[in-house]
C-alpha atoms as a PDB file:
ATOM      1  CA  UNK A   1    -125.415 139.728 135.975  1.00  0.00           C
ATOM      2  CA  UNK A   2    -126.695 138.532 139.336  1.00  0.00           C
ATOM      3  CA  UNK A   3    -129.867 140.608 138.894  1.00  0.00           C
ATOM      4  CA  UNK A   4    -130.576 138.946 135.529  1.00  0.00           C
ATOM      5  CA  UNK A   5    -130.164 135.485 137.078  1.00  0.00           C
ATOM      6  CA  UNK A   6    -132.563 136.448 139.854  1.00  0.00           C
ATOM      7  CA  UNK A   7    -135.121 137.681 137.338  1.00  0.00           C
ATOM      8  CA  UNK A   8    -134.754 134.523 135.271  1.00  0.00           C
ATOM      9  CA  UNK A   9    -135.177 132.335 138.351  1.00  0.00           C
ATOM     10  CA  UNK A  10    -138.240 134.311 139.396  1.00  0.00           C
ATOM     11  CA  UNK A  11    -139.797 133.957 135.942  1.00  0.00           C
ATOM     12  CA  UNK A  12    -139.032 130.240 135.844  1.00  0.00           C
ATOM     13  CA  UNK A  13    -140.550 129.777 139.300  1.00  0.00           C
ATOM     14  CA  UNK A  14    -143.710 131.599 138.237  1.00  0.00           C
ATOM     15  CA  UNK A  15    -143.973 129.464 135.087  1.00  0.00           C
ATOM     16  CA  UNK A  16    -143.501 126.229 137.028  1.00  0.00           C
ATOM     17  CA  UNK A  17    -146.108 127.228 139.606  1.00  0.00           C
ATOM     18  CA  UNK A  18    -148.638 128.367 137.026  1.00  0.00           C
ATOM     19  CA  UNK A  19    -148.170 125.637 134.420  1.00  0.00           C
ATOM     20  CA  UNK A  20    -147.583 122.595 136.610  1.00  0.00           C
ATOM     21  CA  UNK A  21    -150.679 120.741 135.353  1.00  0.00           C
ATOM     22  CA  UNK A  22    -149.734 121.273 131.709  1.00  0.00           C
ATOM     23  CA  UNK A  23    -146.127 120.252 132.406  1.00  0.00           C
ATOM     24  CA  UNK A  24    -147.308 117.102 134.180  1.00  0.00           C
ATOM     25  CA  UNK A  25    -149.692 116.227 131.339  1.00  0.00           C
ATOM     26  CA  UNK A  26    -146.969 116.707 128.710  1.00  0.00           C
ATOM     27  CA  UNK A  27    -144.395 114.763 130.725  1.00  0.00           C
ATOM     28  CA  UNK A  28    -146.834 111.907 131.292  1.00  0.00           C
ATOM     29  CA  UNK A  29    -147.638 111.751 127.591  1.00  0.00           C
ATOM     30  CA  UNK A  30    -143.972 111.659 126.583  1.00  0.00           C
ATOM     31  CA  UNK A  31    -143.139 109.074 129.260  1.00  0.00           C
ATOM     32  CA  UNK A  32    -146.005 106.807 128.206  1.00  0.00           C
ATOM     33  CA  UNK A  33    -144.893 106.865 124.572  1.00  0.00           C
ATOM     34  CA  UNK A  34    -141.135 106.677 125.017  1.00  0.00           C
ATOM     35  CA  UNK A  35    -140.872 103.496 122.932  1.00  0.00           C
ATOM     36  CA  UNK A  36    -142.893 104.893 120.040  1.00  0.00           C
ATOM     37  CA  UNK A  37    -141.435 108.378 119.728  1.00  0.00           C
ATOM     38  CA  UNK A  38    -142.325 110.278 116.604  1.00  0.00           C
ATOM     39  CA  UNK A  39    -142.868 113.904 115.680  1.00  0.00           C
ATOM     40  CA  UNK A  40    -145.919 115.585 117.237  1.00  0.00           C
ATOM     41  CA  UNK A  41    -146.879 112.488 119.241  1.00  0.00           C
ATOM     42  CA  UNK A  42    -147.866 114.670 122.226  1.00  0.00           C
ATOM     43  CA  UNK A  43    -148.654 117.807 120.254  1.00  0.00           C
ATOM     44  CA  UNK A  44    -151.885 118.657 122.083  1.00  0.00           C
ATOM     45  CA  UNK A  45    -150.156 118.538 125.471  1.00  0.00           C
ATOM     46  CA  UNK A  46    -147.119 120.428 124.179  1.00  0.00           C
ATOM     47  CA  UNK A  47    -149.238 123.229 122.736  1.00  0.00           C
ATOM     48  CA  UNK A  48    -151.159 123.563 126.017  1.00  0.00           C
ATOM     49  CA  UNK A  49    -147.870 123.846 127.938  1.00  0.00           C
ATOM     50  CA  UNK A  50    -146.406 126.299 125.430  1.00  0.00           C
ATOM     51  CA  UNK A  51    -149.509 128.488 125.574  1.00  0.00           C
ATOM     52  CA  UNK A  52    -149.489 128.512 129.375  1.00  0.00           C
ATOM     53  CA  UNK A  53    -145.815 129.427 129.472  1.00  0.00           C
ATOM     54  CA  UNK A  54    -146.233 132.225 126.937  1.00  0.00           C
ATOM     55  CA  UNK A  55    -149.180 133.719 128.817  1.00  0.00           C
ATOM     56  CA  UNK A  56    -147.310 133.503 132.129  1.00  0.00           C
ATOM     57  CA  UNK A  57    -144.224 135.350 130.896  1.00  0.00           C
END
């Protein structure tokens, strides 16, 4: 079990390092629109982050 946790942590670290710009862009979008939340409001930023994460894994 410890080995799986280590692998998961390593993968997460790699994703965070590789996709930090996309994560920041998505987070900024969500934070700026917190009072007007609706479905797909930051879709472009979300899809960029999702794509980066999928290519990193």
